[in-house]
Amino acid sequence: MSAAGGGRFADFGPPRRVDGGLKARSTRGTIGVSWWSRRFLEVLESFALGTRLTRGRSYARKGQVLRLDVTPGRVEATVQGSRAEPYRVGIELAVFPAALWERVERDLAAQAFFSARLLAGDLPAELEEVFVAAGAPLFPSGVAELTQRCSCPDFAVPCKHLAATFYLLAEAFDADPFQLLHWRGRSRVELLDRLRTLRAGAADPVGPPRPSDPDTPAPAAAGPGPERTPGEEPAGTARVLAGLPAIPLDEAVDRFWLPPVPLPDRPPSLATGPELLLRQLGAPAPAIGGPGLLERLRRAYRTFGRS
């Protein structure tokens, strides 16, 4: 955390009111509605950041974040605090190397389920397991993987300006799930173009048989399909399903409700200790027991967690 802001904390009061800032769509309760935004915040909360994260929620809901930009490996934001000049926020997360992205893209293109969902603009929950299998979890596994900077004088990490940025970032993932992949180094256009190319290549891996080989049997008819000009690539659904074999209808009736390819297992849930909630809320007020009540609750949580 940079101390570029200088000055005494006593010089700071409530944040300056902002007109036209980026406001969180959630006005109460939790922020984030999709699995990927909730998973992102769940991972952050698992780092035991406690009230350092939650105190930025009011900033996010008041519209104190003036700007939020997501680029490969970096998120930049401008947050209005109590001073006249807004604070500059930066959150960095390493992008995946090109070789790893190529492996993930091949894995995704190999299953029509993923191609269809991604081309439809959706991130299936099973996508997380693909990245785990490739040795590169989609979400950070530790707070050390995130580089957090803010120009305010608060030495806590994250400060409320960084925390507000995290919440607005989660809602940005709700609005466009491909922003999460973009942060990891692959834009929506790049990823979908690559999937289309790989799917088109899988549809005709060897080409037609050579006419000079009389023993080569003619390809079996795959049934009626959309007519295309020679050399024209399939489009839309035809492109996604092009690699699947043609199956006679009488052989497919008993499999009508089953997927054409096996679906991957759902990603494992995040393993957290029984005391996560207590770490997030902090000690209660002295009037209701203070730290003593917190310690009794901690022992109770441990006992219930073992039972």
C-alpha atoms as a PDB file:
ATOM      1  CA  MET A   1       0.000   0.000   0.000  1.00  0.00           C
ATOM      2  CA  SER A   2       1.454   3.317  -1.000  1.00  0.00           C
ATOM      3  CA  ALA A   3       1.426   6.265   1.377  1.00  0.00           C
ATOM      4  CA  ALA A   4       1.440   8.757  -1.476  1.00  0.00           C
ATOM      5  CA  GLY A   5      -1.637  10.457  -0.022  1.00  0.00           C
ATOM      6  CA  GLY A   6       0.285  11.520   3.119  1.00  0.00           C
ATOM      7  CA  GLY A   7      -1.365  13.469   5.893  1.00  0.00           C
ATOM      8  CA  ARG A   8      -3.009  12.442   9.155  1.00  0.00           C
ATOM      9  CA  PHE A   9      -6.003  10.140   9.333  1.00  0.00           C
ATOM     10  CA  ALA A  10      -7.709  12.795  11.450  1.00  0.00           C
ATOM     11  CA  ASP A  11      -7.820  14.977   8.334  1.00  0.00           C
ATOM     12  CA  PHE A  12     -10.207  12.543   6.668  1.00  0.00           C
ATOM     13  CA  GLY A  13     -13.968  12.481   7.075  1.00  0.00           C
ATOM     14  CA  PRO A  14     -16.824  10.892   5.149  1.00  0.00           C
ATOM     15  CA  PRO A  15     -16.194  10.312   1.433  1.00  0.00           C
ATOM     16  CA  ARG A  16     -17.107  13.088  -0.949  1.00  0.00           C
ATOM     17  CA  ARG A  17     -20.419  12.608  -2.693  1.00  0.00           C
ATOM     18  CA  VAL A  18     -20.164  11.390  -6.265  1.00  0.00           C
ATOM     19  CA  ASP A  19     -22.580  11.918  -9.142  1.00  0.00           C
ATOM     20  CA  GLY A  20     -22.484   9.347 -11.925  1.00  0.00           C
ATOM     21  CA  GLY A  21     -20.218   6.825 -10.187  1.00  0.00           C
ATOM     22  CA  LEU A  22     -20.377   3.082 -10.729  1.00  0.00           C
ATOM     23  CA  LYS A  23     -22.934   1.804  -8.226  1.00  0.00           C
ATOM     24  CA  ALA A  24     -23.321  -1.836  -7.238  1.00  0.00           C
ATOM     25  CA  ARG A  25     -26.638  -3.182  -8.506  1.00  0.00           C
ATOM     26  CA  SER A  26     -27.162  -4.996  -5.203  1.00  0.00           C
ATOM     27  CA  THR A  27     -28.595  -2.567  -2.629  1.00  0.00           C
ATOM     28  CA  ARG A  28     -28.589  -4.976   0.315  1.00  0.00           C
ATOM     29  CA  GLY A  29     -27.344  -8.422   1.282  1.00  0.00           C
ATOM     30  CA  THR A  30     -24.694 -10.203  -0.751  1.00  0.00           C
ATOM     31  CA  ILE A  31     -23.141  -8.850  -3.935  1.00  0.00           C
ATOM     32  CA  GLY A  32     -22.839 -11.059  -7.012  1.00  0.00           C
ATOM     33  CA  VAL A  33     -25.469 -13.379  -8.504  1.00  0.00           C
ATOM     34  CA  SER A  34     -23.619 -15.687 -10.911  1.00  0.00           C
ATOM     35  CA  TRP A  35     -21.500 -18.648  -9.866  1.00  0.00           C
ATOM     36  CA  TRP A  36     -18.312 -17.001 -11.099  1.00  0.00           C
ATOM     37  CA  SER A  37     -18.814 -13.700  -9.207  1.00  0.00           C
ATOM     38  CA  ARG A  38     -19.903 -15.487  -6.026  1.00  0.00           C
ATOM     39  CA  ARG A  39     -16.970 -17.883  -6.350  1.00  0.00           C
ATOM     40  CA  PHE A  40     -14.585 -14.936  -6.758  1.00  0.00           C
ATOM     41  CA  LEU A  41     -15.872 -13.238  -3.593  1.00  0.00           C
ATOM     42  CA  GLU A  42     -15.962 -16.571  -1.755  1.00  0.00           C
ATOM     43  CA  VAL A  43     -12.279 -17.057  -2.511  1.00  0.00           C
ATOM     44  CA  LEU A  44     -11.446 -13.532  -1.307  1.00  0.00           C
ATOM     45  CA  GLU A  45     -13.413 -14.059   1.897  1.00  0.00           C
ATOM     46  CA  SER A  46     -11.597 -17.349   2.489  1.00  0.00           C
ATOM     47  CA  PHE A  47      -8.368 -15.364   2.830  1.00  0.00           C
ATOM     48  CA  ALA A  48      -9.742 -14.109   6.192  1.00  0.00           C
ATOM     49  CA  LEU A  49      -9.683 -10.464   5.129  1.00  0.00           C
ATOM     50  CA  GLY A  50     -12.616  -9.846   7.503  1.00  0.00           C
ATOM     51  CA  THR A  51     -13.985  -6.341   7.825  1.00  0.00           C
ATOM     52  CA  ARG A  52     -11.175  -5.019   5.610  1.00  0.00           C
ATOM     53  CA  LEU A  53     -13.156  -6.425   2.685  1.00  0.00           C
ATOM     54  CA  THR A  54     -16.725  -5.853   3.849  1.00  0.00           C
ATOM     55  CA  ARG A  55     -16.222  -2.178   4.744  1.00  0.00           C
ATOM     56  CA  GLY A  56     -15.767  -1.396   1.060  1.00  0.00           C
ATOM     57  CA  ARG A  57     -19.286  -2.641   0.301  1.00  0.00           C
ATOM     58  CA  SER A  58     -20.876   0.685   1.239  1.00  0.00           C
ATOM     59  CA  TYR A  59     -18.421   2.493  -1.033  1.00  0.00           C
ATOM     60  CA  ALA A  60     -19.447   0.206  -3.896  1.00  0.00           C
ATOM     61  CA  ARG A  61     -23.140   0.831  -3.250  1.00  0.00           C
ATOM     62  CA  LYS A  62     -22.762   4.602  -2.902  1.00  0.00           C
ATOM     63  CA  GLY A  63     -21.097   4.860  -6.316  1.00  0.00           C
ATOM     64  CA  GLN A  64     -17.678   5.980  -5.039  1.00  0.00           C
ATOM     65  CA  VAL A  65     -15.904   4.010  -7.791  1.00  0.00           C
ATOM     66  CA  LEU A  66     -15.541   6.381 -10.735  1.00  0.00           C
ATOM     67  CA  ARG A  67     -13.815   4.061 -13.222  1.00  0.00           C
ATOM     68  CA  LEU A  68     -13.101   0.333 -13.538  1.00  0.00           C
ATOM     69  CA  ASP A  69     -10.973  -1.156 -16.319  1.00  0.00           C
ATOM     70  CA  VAL A  70     -10.061  -4.831 -16.753  1.00  0.00           C
ATOM     71  CA  THR A  71      -7.012  -5.696 -18.853  1.00  0.00           C
ATOM     72  CA  PRO A  72      -4.900  -8.868 -19.016  1.00  0.00           C
ATOM     73  CA  GLY A  73      -3.257  -9.265 -15.612  1.00  0.00           C
ATOM     74  CA  ARG A  74      -4.450  -5.944 -14.195  1.00  0.00           C
ATOM     75  CA  VAL A  75      -7.553  -4.173 -12.909  1.00  0.00           C
ATOM     76  CA  GLU A  76      -7.405  -0.389 -12.564  1.00  0.00           C
ATOM     77  CA  ALA A  77      -9.954   1.785 -10.797  1.00  0.00           C
ATOM     78  CA  THR A  78     -10.418   5.318  -9.571  1.00  0.00           C
ATOM     79  CA  VAL A  79     -12.212   5.654  -6.227  1.00  0.00           C
ATOM     80  CA  GLN A  80     -13.435   8.892  -4.668  1.00  0.00           C
ATOM     81  CA  GLY A  81     -12.621   9.155  -0.976  1.00  0.00           C
ATOM     82  CA  SER A  82     -12.734  12.105   1.412  1.00  0.00           C
ATOM     83  CA  ARG A  83     -10.017  14.080  -0.398  1.00  0.00           C
ATOM     84  CA  ALA A  84     -10.610  16.148  -3.504  1.00  0.00           C
ATOM     85  CA  GLU A  85      -8.393  13.972  -5.669  1.00  0.00           C
ATOM     86  CA  PRO A  86      -9.691  10.406  -6.170  1.00  0.00           C
ATOM     87  CA  TYR A  87      -7.453   7.505  -5.217  1.00  0.00           C
ATOM     88  CA  ARG A  88      -5.841   5.266  -7.834  1.00  0.00           C
ATOM     89  CA  VAL A  89      -6.347   1.532  -7.315  1.00  0.00           C
ATOM     90  CA  GLY A  90      -4.559  -1.357  -9.029  1.00  0.00           C
ATOM     91  CA  ILE A  91      -5.085  -5.119  -8.598  1.00  0.00           C
ATOM     92  CA  GLU A  92      -2.741  -7.477 -10.446  1.00  0.00           C
ATOM     93  CA  LEU A  93      -3.132 -11.215 -11.076  1.00  0.00           C
ATOM     94  CA  ALA A  94      -0.729 -13.198 -13.273  1.00  0.00           C
ATOM     95  CA  VAL A  95      -1.985 -14.085 -16.747  1.00  0.00           C
ATOM     96  CA  PHE A  96      -1.758 -17.678 -17.923  1.00  0.00           C
ATOM     97  CA  PRO A  97       1.074 -18.379 -20.404  1.00  0.00           C
ATOM     98  CA  ALA A  98       0.187 -18.975 -24.055  1.00  0.00           C
ATOM     99  CA  ALA A  99       1.026 -22.707 -23.877  1.00  0.00           C
ATOM    100  CA  LEU A 100      -1.412 -23.215 -21.017  1.00  0.00           C
ATOM    101  CA  TRP A 101      -4.173 -21.321 -22.809  1.00  0.00           C
ATOM    102  CA  GLU A 102      -3.626 -23.518 -25.872  1.00  0.00           C
ATOM    103  CA  ARG A 103      -4.050 -26.640 -23.748  1.00  0.00           C
ATOM    104  CA  VAL A 104      -7.224 -25.301 -22.126  1.00  0.00           C
ATOM    105  CA  GLU A 105      -8.653 -24.309 -25.515  1.00  0.00           C
ATOM    106  CA  ARG A 106      -8.000 -27.797 -26.904  1.00  0.00           C
ATOM    107  CA  ASP A 107      -9.705 -29.340 -23.872  1.00  0.00           C
ATOM    108  CA  LEU A 108     -12.718 -27.035 -24.265  1.00  0.00           C
ATOM    109  CA  ALA A 109     -12.994 -27.579 -28.016  1.00  0.00           C
ATOM    110  CA  ALA A 110     -12.885 -31.361 -27.556  1.00  0.00           C
ATOM    111  CA  GLN A 111     -16.303 -31.289 -25.854  1.00  0.00           C
ATOM    112  CA  ALA A 112     -19.313 -29.848 -27.627  1.00  0.00           C
ATOM    113  CA  PHE A 113     -20.863 -29.053 -24.230  1.00  0.00           C
ATOM    114  CA  PHE A 114     -18.249 -26.390 -23.483  1.00  0.00           C
ATOM    115  CA  SER A 115     -18.168 -24.999 -27.007  1.00  0.00           C
ATOM    116  CA  ALA A 116     -21.938 -24.611 -27.120  1.00  0.00           C
ATOM    117  CA  ARG A 117     -22.138 -22.900 -23.725  1.00  0.00           C
ATOM    118  CA  LEU A 118     -19.212 -20.549 -24.367  1.00  0.00           C
ATOM    119  CA  LEU A 119     -20.395 -19.627 -27.839  1.00  0.00           C
ATOM    120  CA  ALA A 120     -23.769 -18.827 -26.260  1.00  0.00           C
ATOM    121  CA  GLY A 121     -22.022 -16.366 -23.903  1.00  0.00           C
ATOM    122  CA  ASP A 122     -22.174 -18.507 -20.750  1.00  0.00           C
ATOM    123  CA  LEU A 123     -19.471 -19.838 -18.421  1.00  0.00           C
ATOM    124  CA  PRO A 124     -20.546 -23.264 -17.127  1.00  0.00           C
ATOM    125  CA  ALA A 125     -19.503 -24.107 -13.573  1.00  0.00           C
ATOM    126  CA  GLU A 126     -17.616 -27.126 -14.932  1.00  0.00           C
ATOM    127  CA  LEU A 127     -15.191 -24.697 -16.594  1.00  0.00           C
ATOM    128  CA  GLU A 128     -13.356 -24.253 -13.299  1.00  0.00           C
ATOM    129  CA  GLU A 129     -12.457 -27.947 -13.247  1.00  0.00           C
ATOM    130  CA  VAL A 130     -10.907 -27.691 -16.730  1.00  0.00           C
ATOM    131  CA  PHE A 131      -8.467 -25.056 -15.465  1.00  0.00           C
ATOM    132  CA  VAL A 132      -7.740 -27.074 -12.308  1.00  0.00           C
ATOM    133  CA  ALA A 133      -6.970 -30.145 -14.437  1.00  0.00           C
ATOM    134  CA  ALA A 134      -4.590 -28.043 -16.531  1.00  0.00           C
ATOM    135  CA  GLY A 135      -2.689 -27.077 -13.372  1.00  0.00           C
ATOM    136  CA  ALA A 136      -3.835 -23.449 -13.392  1.00  0.00           C
ATOM    137  CA  PRO A 137      -6.812 -22.688 -11.097  1.00  0.00           C
ATOM    138  CA  LEU A 138      -8.976 -19.949 -12.569  1.00  0.00           C
ATOM    139  CA  PHE A 139      -9.255 -18.157  -9.217  1.00  0.00           C
ATOM    140  CA  PRO A 140      -6.323 -17.174  -6.980  1.00  0.00           C
ATOM    141  CA  SER A 141      -5.508 -19.820  -4.396  1.00  0.00           C
ATOM    142  CA  GLY A 142      -3.871 -17.394  -1.965  1.00  0.00           C
ATOM    143  CA  VAL A 143      -3.878 -13.685  -1.236  1.00  0.00           C
ATOM    144  CA  ALA A 144      -0.175 -13.553  -2.173  1.00  0.00           C
ATOM    145  CA  GLU A 145      -1.167 -14.121  -5.814  1.00  0.00           C
ATOM    146  CA  LEU A 146      -2.853 -10.717  -5.835  1.00  0.00           C
ATOM    147  CA  THR A 147      -0.812  -7.521  -5.934  1.00  0.00           C
ATOM    148  CA  GLN A 148      -2.951  -4.751  -4.412  1.00  0.00           C
ATOM    149  CA  ARG A 149      -2.080  -1.065  -4.553  1.00  0.00           C
ATOM    150  CA  CYS A 150      -3.928   2.101  -3.591  1.00  0.00           C
ATOM    151  CA  SER A 151      -2.684   5.689  -3.425  1.00  0.00           C
ATOM    152  CA  CYS A 152      -4.535   6.347  -0.152  1.00  0.00           C
ATOM    153  CA  PRO A 153      -2.600   6.638   3.163  1.00  0.00           C
ATOM    154  CA  ASP A 154      -4.310   3.618   4.737  1.00  0.00           C
ATOM    155  CA  PHE A 155      -1.746   0.845   5.306  1.00  0.00           C
ATOM    156  CA  ALA A 156      -4.419  -1.892   5.642  1.00  0.00           C
ATOM    157  CA  VAL A 157      -4.613  -4.230   2.643  1.00  0.00           C
ATOM    158  CA  PRO A 158      -7.191  -4.202   1.287  1.00  0.00           C
ATOM    159  CA  CYS A 159      -8.297  -0.703   2.234  1.00  0.00           C
ATOM    160  CA  LYS A 160     -11.930   0.262   1.647  1.00  0.00           C
ATOM    161  CA  HIS A 161     -11.049   1.624  -1.809  1.00  0.00           C
ATOM    162  CA  LEU A 162      -9.539  -1.703  -2.874  1.00  0.00           C
ATOM    163  CA  ALA A 163     -12.455  -3.554  -1.272  1.00  0.00           C
ATOM    164  CA  ALA A 164     -14.986  -1.433  -3.189  1.00  0.00           C
ATOM    165  CA  THR A 165     -13.095  -2.265  -6.380  1.00  0.00           C
ATOM    166  CA  PHE A 166     -13.297  -5.997  -5.613  1.00  0.00           C
ATOM    167  CA  TYR A 167     -17.076  -5.795  -5.212  1.00  0.00           C
ATOM    168  CA  LEU A 168     -17.532  -3.793  -8.423  1.00  0.00           C
ATOM    169  CA  LEU A 169     -15.227  -6.262 -10.178  1.00  0.00           C
ATOM    170  CA  ALA A 170     -17.478  -9.140  -9.064  1.00  0.00           C
ATOM    171  CA  GLU A 171     -20.477  -7.360 -10.555  1.00  0.00           C
ATOM    172  CA  ALA A 172     -18.498  -6.738 -13.743  1.00  0.00           C
ATOM    173  CA  PHE A 173     -18.078 -10.532 -13.934  1.00  0.00           C
ATOM    174  CA  ASP A 174     -21.870 -10.824 -13.574  1.00  0.00           C
ATOM    175  CA  ALA A 175     -22.423  -8.463 -16.501  1.00  0.00           C
ATOM    176  CA  ASP A 176     -19.774 -10.072 -18.719  1.00  0.00           C
ATOM    177  CA  PRO A 177     -18.335 -13.387 -17.496  1.00  0.00           C
ATOM    178  CA  PHE A 178     -15.621 -13.245 -20.144  1.00  0.00           C
ATOM    179  CA  GLN A 179     -14.048 -10.372 -18.192  1.00  0.00           C
ATOM    180  CA  LEU A 180     -12.752 -12.992 -15.763  1.00  0.00           C
ATOM    181  CA  LEU A 181     -11.004 -14.861 -18.587  1.00  0.00           C
ATOM    182  CA  HIS A 182      -9.776 -11.547 -20.033  1.00  0.00           C
ATOM    183  CA  TRP A 183      -8.128 -10.769 -16.688  1.00  0.00           C
ATOM    184  CA  ARG A 184      -6.345 -14.118 -17.004  1.00  0.00           C
ATOM    185  CA  GLY A 185      -5.069 -13.257 -20.465  1.00  0.00           C
ATOM    186  CA  ARG A 186      -7.672 -14.296 -23.068  1.00  0.00           C
ATOM    187  CA  SER A 187     -10.276 -11.938 -24.490  1.00  0.00           C
ATOM    188  CA  ARG A 188     -13.741 -13.094 -25.496  1.00  0.00           C
ATOM    189  CA  VAL A 189     -13.041 -12.644 -29.221  1.00  0.00           C
ATOM    190  CA  GLU A 190      -9.713 -14.499 -29.039  1.00  0.00           C
ATOM    191  CA  LEU A 191     -11.140 -17.431 -27.099  1.00  0.00           C
ATOM    192  CA  LEU A 192     -14.237 -17.930 -29.239  1.00  0.00           C
ATOM    193  CA  ASP A 193     -12.301 -17.577 -32.495  1.00  0.00           C
ATOM    194  CA  ARG A 194      -9.865 -20.207 -31.272  1.00  0.00           C
ATOM    195  CA  LEU A 195     -12.677 -22.587 -30.303  1.00  0.00           C
ATOM    196  CA  ARG A 196     -14.341 -22.173 -33.700  1.00  0.00           C
ATOM    197  CA  THR A 197     -11.065 -22.927 -35.458  1.00  0.00           C
ATOM    198  CA  LEU A 198     -10.401 -26.020 -33.356  1.00  0.00           C
ATOM    199  CA  ARG A 199     -13.974 -27.303 -33.760  1.00  0.00           C
ATOM    200  CA  ALA A 200     -13.851 -26.775 -37.527  1.00  0.00           C
ATOM    201  CA  GLY A 201     -10.555 -28.680 -37.714  1.00  0.00           C
ATOM    202  CA  ALA A 202     -11.975 -31.571 -35.681  1.00  0.00           C
ATOM    203  CA  ALA A 203     -14.930 -31.848 -38.066  1.00  0.00           C
ATOM    204  CA  ASP A 204     -12.705 -32.987 -40.984  1.00  0.00           C
ATOM    205  CA  PRO A 205      -9.334 -34.120 -39.582  1.00  0.00           C
ATOM    206  CA  VAL A 206      -8.176 -36.221 -42.552  1.00  0.00           C
ATOM    207  CA  GLY A 207     -10.165 -34.982 -45.525  1.00  0.00           C
ATOM    208  CA  PRO A 208     -11.809 -37.126 -48.277  1.00  0.00           C
ATOM    209  CA  PRO A 209     -10.158 -40.415 -49.420  1.00  0.00           C
ATOM    210  CA  ARG A 210      -7.785 -40.257 -52.342  1.00  0.00           C
ATOM    211  CA  PRO A 211      -9.403 -41.395 -55.614  1.00  0.00           C
ATOM    212  CA  SER A 212      -6.251 -43.376 -56.571  1.00  0.00           C
ATOM    213  CA  ASP A 213      -6.842 -45.895 -53.737  1.00  0.00           C
ATOM    214  CA  PRO A 214      -9.507 -48.359 -55.011  1.00  0.00           C
ATOM    215  CA  ASP A 215      -9.669 -50.216 -51.672  1.00  0.00           C
ATOM    216  CA  THR A 216     -10.651 -47.146 -49.692  1.00  0.00           C
ATOM    217  CA  PRO A 217     -14.398 -47.346 -48.951  1.00  0.00           C
ATOM    218  CA  ALA A 218     -16.570 -44.360 -49.606  1.00  0.00           C
ATOM    219  CA  PRO A 219     -17.603 -42.436 -46.510  1.00  0.00           C
ATOM    220  CA  ALA A 220     -20.944 -43.445 -45.033  1.00  0.00           C
ATOM    221  CA  ALA A 221     -23.771 -41.030 -45.597  1.00  0.00           C
ATOM    222  CA  ALA A 222     -24.390 -38.966 -42.493  1.00  0.00           C
ATOM    223  CA  GLY A 223     -27.948 -38.128 -43.393  1.00  0.00           C
ATOM    224  CA  PRO A 224     -29.312 -34.852 -44.697  1.00  0.00           C
ATOM    225  CA  GLY A 225     -27.608 -31.753 -43.457  1.00  0.00           C
ATOM    226  CA  PRO A 226     -27.294 -28.091 -44.347  1.00  0.00           C
ATOM    227  CA  GLU A 227     -25.957 -27.582 -47.824  1.00  0.00           C
ATOM    228  CA  ARG A 228     -22.714 -25.614 -48.022  1.00  0.00           C
ATOM    229  CA  THR A 229     -20.572 -24.392 -50.831  1.00  0.00           C
ATOM    230  CA  PRO A 230     -17.294 -26.355 -51.146  1.00  0.00           C
ATOM    231  CA  GLY A 231     -14.735 -24.870 -48.749  1.00  0.00           C
ATOM    232  CA  GLU A 232     -17.351 -23.020 -46.704  1.00  0.00           C
ATOM    233  CA  GLU A 233     -17.053 -23.433 -42.920  1.00  0.00           C
ATOM    234  CA  PRO A 234     -20.093 -24.555 -40.906  1.00  0.00           C
ATOM    235  CA  ALA A 235     -21.643 -21.832 -38.755  1.00  0.00           C
ATOM    236  CA  GLY A 236     -23.612 -21.553 -35.545  1.00  0.00           C
ATOM    237  CA  THR A 237     -24.941 -24.850 -34.165  1.00  0.00           C
ATOM    238  CA  ALA A 238     -23.596 -26.779 -37.143  1.00  0.00           C
ATOM    239  CA  ARG A 239     -20.088 -25.632 -36.244  1.00  0.00           C
ATOM    240  CA  VAL A 240     -20.449 -26.744 -32.619  1.00  0.00           C
ATOM    241  CA  LEU A 241     -21.935 -30.162 -33.477  1.00  0.00           C
ATOM    242  CA  ALA A 242     -19.812 -30.830 -36.539  1.00  0.00           C
ATOM    243  CA  GLY A 243     -17.467 -33.247 -34.752  1.00  0.00           C
ATOM    244  CA  LEU A 244     -20.194 -35.550 -33.413  1.00  0.00           C
ATOM    245  CA  PRO A 245     -20.842 -38.830 -35.296  1.00  0.00           C
ATOM    246  CA  ALA A 246     -24.169 -39.386 -37.043  1.00  0.00           C
ATOM    247  CA  ILE A 247     -26.303 -41.980 -35.183  1.00  0.00           C
ATOM    248  CA  PRO A 248     -29.404 -43.618 -36.706  1.00  0.00           C
ATOM    249  CA  LEU A 249     -32.562 -42.486 -34.963  1.00  0.00           C
ATOM    250  CA  ASP A 250     -33.637 -46.000 -33.908  1.00  0.00           C
ATOM    251  CA  GLU A 251     -30.331 -46.409 -32.056  1.00  0.00           C
ATOM    252  CA  ALA A 252     -30.566 -43.067 -30.267  1.00  0.00           C
ATOM    253  CA  VAL A 253     -34.085 -43.201 -28.797  1.00  0.00           C
ATOM    254  CA  ASP A 254     -32.951 -44.686 -25.481  1.00  0.00           C
ATOM    255  CA  ARG A 255     -30.275 -41.985 -25.173  1.00  0.00           C
ATOM    256  CA  PHE A 256     -32.496 -39.042 -26.048  1.00  0.00           C
ATOM    257  CA  TRP A 257     -32.145 -37.387 -22.623  1.00  0.00           C
ATOM    258  CA  LEU A 258     -28.441 -38.118 -22.237  1.00  0.00           C
ATOM    259  CA  PRO A 259     -25.629 -35.752 -23.315  1.00  0.00           C
ATOM    260  CA  PRO A 260     -23.863 -36.682 -26.603  1.00  0.00           C
ATOM    261  CA  VAL A 261     -20.520 -36.583 -24.769  1.00  0.00           C
ATOM    262  CA  PRO A 262     -19.770 -37.284 -21.082  1.00  0.00           C
ATOM    263  CA  LEU A 263     -19.982 -34.185 -18.920  1.00  0.00           C
ATOM    264  CA  PRO A 264     -17.087 -33.382 -16.575  1.00  0.00           C
ATOM    265  CA  ASP A 265     -17.467 -33.623 -12.835  1.00  0.00           C
ATOM    266  CA  ARG A 266     -18.578 -30.447 -11.086  1.00  0.00           C
ATOM    267  CA  PRO A 267     -15.704 -28.468  -9.563  1.00  0.00           C
ATOM    268  CA  PRO A 268     -14.910 -29.211  -5.927  1.00  0.00           C
ATOM    269  CA  SER A 269     -16.331 -26.825  -3.373  1.00  0.00           C
ATOM    270  CA  LEU A 270     -13.941 -24.525  -1.590  1.00  0.00           C
ATOM    271  CA  ALA A 271     -12.612 -26.122   1.603  1.00  0.00           C
ATOM    272  CA  THR A 272     -12.925 -23.675   4.488  1.00  0.00           C
ATOM    273  CA  GLY A 273     -12.576 -24.004   8.239  1.00  0.00           C
ATOM    274  CA  PRO A 274     -15.571 -23.861  10.596  1.00  0.00           C
ATOM    275  CA  GLU A 275     -14.436 -20.468  11.922  1.00  0.00           C
ATOM    276  CA  LEU A 276     -14.608 -18.586   8.613  1.00  0.00           C
ATOM    277  CA  LEU A 277     -17.772 -16.676   9.570  1.00  0.00           C
ATOM    278  CA  LEU A 278     -16.268 -15.578  12.893  1.00  0.00           C
ATOM    279  CA  ARG A 279     -13.118 -14.336  11.159  1.00  0.00           C
ATOM    280  CA  GLN A 280     -15.196 -12.314   8.728  1.00  0.00           C
ATOM    281  CA  LEU A 281     -17.433 -10.674  11.352  1.00  0.00           C
ATOM    282  CA  GLY A 282     -14.771  -9.890  13.951  1.00  0.00           C
ATOM    283  CA  ALA A 283     -15.364  -9.493  17.687  1.00  0.00           C
ATOM    284  CA  PRO A 284     -18.918  -8.557  18.804  1.00  0.00           C
ATOM    285  CA  ALA A 285     -19.626  -5.389  20.759  1.00  0.00           C
ATOM    286  CA  PRO A 286     -18.756  -5.406  24.488  1.00  0.00           C
ATOM    287  CA  ALA A 287     -22.450  -5.029  25.347  1.00  0.00           C
ATOM    288  CA  ILE A 288     -23.170  -8.542  24.042  1.00  0.00           C
ATOM    289  CA  GLY A 289     -20.015 -10.289  25.220  1.00  0.00           C
ATOM    290  CA  GLY A 290     -17.062  -8.836  23.307  1.00  0.00           C
ATOM    291  CA  PRO A 291     -13.949 -10.991  22.685  1.00  0.00           C
ATOM    292  CA  GLY A 292     -15.002 -13.427  25.403  1.00  0.00           C
ATOM    293  CA  LEU A 293     -18.153 -14.360  23.491  1.00  0.00           C
ATOM    294  CA  LEU A 294     -16.075 -14.677  20.329  1.00  0.00           C
ATOM    295  CA  GLU A 295     -13.763 -17.211  21.991  1.00  0.00           C
ATOM    296  CA  ARG A 296     -16.708 -19.268  23.313  1.00  0.00           C
ATOM    297  CA  LEU A 297     -18.279 -19.304  19.866  1.00  0.00           C
ATOM    298  CA  ARG A 298     -14.937 -20.353  18.350  1.00  0.00           C
ATOM    299  CA  ARG A 299     -14.724 -23.358  20.668  1.00  0.00           C
ATOM    300  CA  ALA A 300     -18.334 -24.274  19.878  1.00  0.00           C
ATOM    301  CA  TYR A 301     -17.709 -24.052  16.125  1.00  0.00           C
ATOM    302  CA  ARG A 302     -14.679 -26.345  16.466  1.00  0.00           C
ATOM    303  CA  THR A 303     -16.699 -28.879  18.468  1.00  0.00           C
ATOM    304  CA  PHE A 304     -19.607 -28.881  16.017  1.00  0.00           C
ATOM    305  CA  GLY A 305     -17.187 -29.094  13.084  1.00  0.00           C
ATOM    306  CA  ARG A 306     -15.727 -32.342  14.410  1.00  0.00           C
ATOM    307  CA  SER A 307     -19.104 -33.947  15.078  1.00  0.00           C
END
